[in-house]
Amino acid sequence: MQELNPKYNENGLVAAIVQDETSGQVLMLAWMNAEAFARTLTSREAYFWSRSRQELWHKGATSGNYLHVHEVWLDCDQDAVLLRVHADGPACHTGAVSCFHNEISG
């Protein structure tokens, strides 16, 4: 199998979509830098780059709602990452299962 690596944007980041491995529900969108991507691959737990705090973020370290990574995929252009995970609890900081809980109607 060919080794693939993300193509990071001008800020050194790549979009990471997090999906529940069982239901297929999209749980969240976050950003990864090279260190977050590498730590995610080696630990099999999700790490991201916090743009607001400008620091590495181990998802669940504060809340206990860790994301256990079962599969990592890159899209065809290698500029987006898909993490298929088992979540220990809600993915959203609001307590919702998914960050995508605000439906726009009409």
C-alpha atoms as a PDB file:
ATOM      1  CA  MET A   1       0.000   0.000   0.000  1.00  0.00           C
ATOM      2  CA  GLN A   2       1.229   3.484  -0.900  1.00  0.00           C
ATOM      3  CA  GLU A   3       2.016   5.780   2.041  1.00  0.00           C
ATOM      4  CA  LEU A   4      -0.177   8.843   1.880  1.00  0.00           C
ATOM      5  CA  ASN A   5       0.217  12.118   3.737  1.00  0.00           C
ATOM      6  CA  PRO A   6      -2.151  15.062   4.022  1.00  0.00           C
ATOM      7  CA  LYS A   7      -1.578  18.233   2.056  1.00  0.00           C
ATOM      8  CA  TYR A   8      -1.636  21.005   4.633  1.00  0.00           C
ATOM      9  CA  ASN A   9      -2.956  24.469   3.796  1.00  0.00           C
ATOM     10  CA  GLU A  10      -0.984  27.724   4.032  1.00  0.00           C
ATOM     11  CA  ASN A  11      -1.513  27.699   7.816  1.00  0.00           C
ATOM     12  CA  GLY A  12      -0.102  24.183   8.127  1.00  0.00           C
ATOM     13  CA  LEU A  13      -3.525  22.663   8.764  1.00  0.00           C
ATOM     14  CA  VAL A  14      -5.779  20.059   7.197  1.00  0.00           C
ATOM     15  CA  ALA A  15      -9.521  19.668   7.803  1.00  0.00           C
ATOM     16  CA  ALA A  16     -10.445  16.548   9.782  1.00  0.00           C
ATOM     17  CA  ILE A  17     -13.968  15.148   9.596  1.00  0.00           C
ATOM     18  CA  VAL A  18     -14.866  12.836  12.483  1.00  0.00           C
ATOM     19  CA  GLN A  19     -17.435  10.119  11.815  1.00  0.00           C
ATOM     20  CA  ASP A  20     -18.940   7.491  14.120  1.00  0.00           C
ATOM     21  CA  GLU A  21     -17.664   4.133  12.864  1.00  0.00           C
ATOM     22  CA  THR A  22     -20.934   2.313  13.587  1.00  0.00           C
ATOM     23  CA  SER A  23     -23.721   4.747  12.686  1.00  0.00           C
ATOM     24  CA  GLY A  24     -21.874   6.781  10.054  1.00  0.00           C
ATOM     25  CA  GLN A  25     -23.036  10.011  11.748  1.00  0.00           C
ATOM     26  CA  VAL A  26     -20.691  12.951  11.275  1.00  0.00           C
ATOM     27  CA  LEU A  27     -19.671  14.020  14.765  1.00  0.00           C
ATOM     28  CA  MET A  28     -17.467  17.048  14.216  1.00  0.00           C
ATOM     29  CA  LEU A  29     -15.053  18.960  12.027  1.00  0.00           C
ATOM     30  CA  ALA A  30     -11.711  20.032  13.429  1.00  0.00           C
ATOM     31  CA  TRP A  31      -8.238  20.932  12.187  1.00  0.00           C
ATOM     32  CA  MET A  32      -4.995  18.986  12.377  1.00  0.00           C
ATOM     33  CA  ASN A  33      -1.413  20.086  11.989  1.00  0.00           C
ATOM     34  CA  ALA A  34       1.367  17.583  11.248  1.00  0.00           C
ATOM     35  CA  GLU A  35       1.955  16.851  14.941  1.00  0.00           C
ATOM     36  CA  ALA A  36      -1.750  16.212  15.621  1.00  0.00           C
ATOM     37  CA  PHE A  37      -1.927  13.904  12.606  1.00  0.00           C
ATOM     38  CA  ALA A  38       1.174  11.961  13.689  1.00  0.00           C
ATOM     39  CA  ARG A  39      -0.022  11.611  17.297  1.00  0.00           C
ATOM     40  CA  THR A  40      -3.431  10.451  16.115  1.00  0.00           C
ATOM     41  CA  LEU A  41      -1.837   7.742  13.975  1.00  0.00           C
ATOM     42  CA  THR A  42       0.478   6.497  16.730  1.00  0.00           C
ATOM     43  CA  SER A  43      -1.907   6.722  19.709  1.00  0.00           C
ATOM     44  CA  ARG A  44      -5.147   5.840  17.855  1.00  0.00           C
ATOM     45  CA  GLU A  45      -6.831   8.657  19.800  1.00  0.00           C
ATOM     46  CA  ALA A  46      -7.809  11.924  18.120  1.00  0.00           C
ATOM     47  CA  TYR A  47      -5.543  14.956  18.422  1.00  0.00           C
ATOM     48  CA  PHE A  48      -6.307  18.291  16.793  1.00  0.00           C
ATOM     49  CA  TRP A  49      -4.884  21.791  16.543  1.00  0.00           C
ATOM     50  CA  SER A  50      -6.914  24.398  18.416  1.00  0.00           C
ATOM     51  CA  ARG A  51      -6.946  27.518  16.255  1.00  0.00           C
ATOM     52  CA  SER A  52      -8.359  29.644  19.072  1.00  0.00           C
ATOM     53  CA  ARG A  53      -5.865  28.512  21.730  1.00  0.00           C
ATOM     54  CA  GLN A  54      -3.007  27.929  19.281  1.00  0.00           C
ATOM     55  CA  GLU A  55      -2.121  24.599  20.879  1.00  0.00           C
ATOM     56  CA  LEU A  56      -2.362  20.870  20.413  1.00  0.00           C
ATOM     57  CA  TRP A  57      -5.653  19.458  21.680  1.00  0.00           C
ATOM     58  CA  HIS A  58      -6.148  15.838  22.778  1.00  0.00           C
ATOM     59  CA  LYS A  59      -9.896  15.345  22.346  1.00  0.00           C
ATOM     60  CA  GLY A  60     -11.308  14.047  25.634  1.00  0.00           C
ATOM     61  CA  ALA A  61      -8.399  15.041  27.879  1.00  0.00           C
ATOM     62  CA  THR A  62     -10.654  17.477  29.750  1.00  0.00           C
ATOM     63  CA  SER A  63     -14.134  15.989  29.220  1.00  0.00           C
ATOM     64  CA  GLY A  64     -13.296  12.278  29.219  1.00  0.00           C
ATOM     65  CA  ASN A  65     -15.046  11.988  25.846  1.00  0.00           C
ATOM     66  CA  TYR A  66     -12.120  10.482  23.957  1.00  0.00           C
ATOM     67  CA  LEU A  67     -12.324   9.608  20.273  1.00  0.00           C
ATOM     68  CA  HIS A  68     -10.791   6.180  19.634  1.00  0.00           C
ATOM     69  CA  VAL A  69      -9.642   6.103  16.015  1.00  0.00           C
ATOM     70  CA  HIS A  70     -10.330   2.906  14.083  1.00  0.00           C
ATOM     71  CA  GLU A  71      -9.706   4.111  10.538  1.00  0.00           C
ATOM     72  CA  VAL A  72      -7.995   7.106   8.922  1.00  0.00           C
ATOM     73  CA  TRP A  73      -8.791   8.054   5.336  1.00  0.00           C
ATOM     74  CA  LEU A  74      -7.639  10.830   3.021  1.00  0.00           C
ATOM     75  CA  ASP A  75      -9.833  12.245   0.286  1.00  0.00           C
ATOM     76  CA  CYS A  76      -8.814  12.033  -3.367  1.00  0.00           C
ATOM     77  CA  ASP A  77      -6.896  15.340  -3.247  1.00  0.00           C
ATOM     78  CA  GLN A  78      -5.292  14.466   0.105  1.00  0.00           C
ATOM     79  CA  ASP A  79      -6.453  17.796   1.559  1.00  0.00           C
ATOM     80  CA  ALA A  80      -9.041  16.421   4.005  1.00  0.00           C
ATOM     81  CA  VAL A  81      -8.819  13.651   6.598  1.00  0.00           C
ATOM     82  CA  LEU A  82     -11.656  11.362   7.666  1.00  0.00           C
ATOM     83  CA  LEU A  83     -11.394   9.769  11.103  1.00  0.00           C
ATOM     84  CA  ARG A  84     -13.770   6.869  11.746  1.00  0.00           C
ATOM     85  CA  VAL A  85     -14.038   6.622  15.514  1.00  0.00           C
ATOM     86  CA  HIS A  86     -15.666   5.166  18.586  1.00  0.00           C
ATOM     87  CA  ALA A  87     -16.567   8.046  20.909  1.00  0.00           C
ATOM     88  CA  ASP A  88     -16.598   7.646  24.689  1.00  0.00           C
ATOM     89  CA  GLY A  89     -19.304  10.300  24.928  1.00  0.00           C
ATOM     90  CA  PRO A  90     -20.686  13.362  23.162  1.00  0.00           C
ATOM     91  CA  ALA A  91     -18.329  14.834  20.572  1.00  0.00           C
ATOM     92  CA  CYS A  92     -19.684  18.374  20.848  1.00  0.00           C
ATOM     93  CA  HIS A  93     -18.641  20.736  23.641  1.00  0.00           C
ATOM     94  CA  THR A  94     -22.363  21.565  24.079  1.00  0.00           C
ATOM     95  CA  GLY A  95     -23.070  18.004  25.206  1.00  0.00           C
ATOM     96  CA  ALA A  96     -24.729  17.020  21.930  1.00  0.00           C
ATOM     97  CA  VAL A  97     -23.650  13.745  20.343  1.00  0.00           C
ATOM     98  CA  SER A  98     -22.690  15.602  17.153  1.00  0.00           C
ATOM     99  CA  CYS A  99     -21.621  19.187  16.542  1.00  0.00           C
ATOM    100  CA  PHE A 100     -23.990  19.068  13.561  1.00  0.00           C
ATOM    101  CA  HIS A 101     -27.260  19.478  15.455  1.00  0.00           C
ATOM    102  CA  ASN A 102     -28.455  22.823  14.062  1.00  0.00           C
ATOM    103  CA  GLU A 103     -30.635  22.041  11.055  1.00  0.00           C
ATOM    104  CA  ILE A 104     -31.335  24.876   8.641  1.00  0.00           C
ATOM    105  CA  SER A 105     -34.811  24.545   7.194  1.00  0.00           C
ATOM    106  CA  GLY A 106     -36.451  26.285   4.272  1.00  0.00           C
END
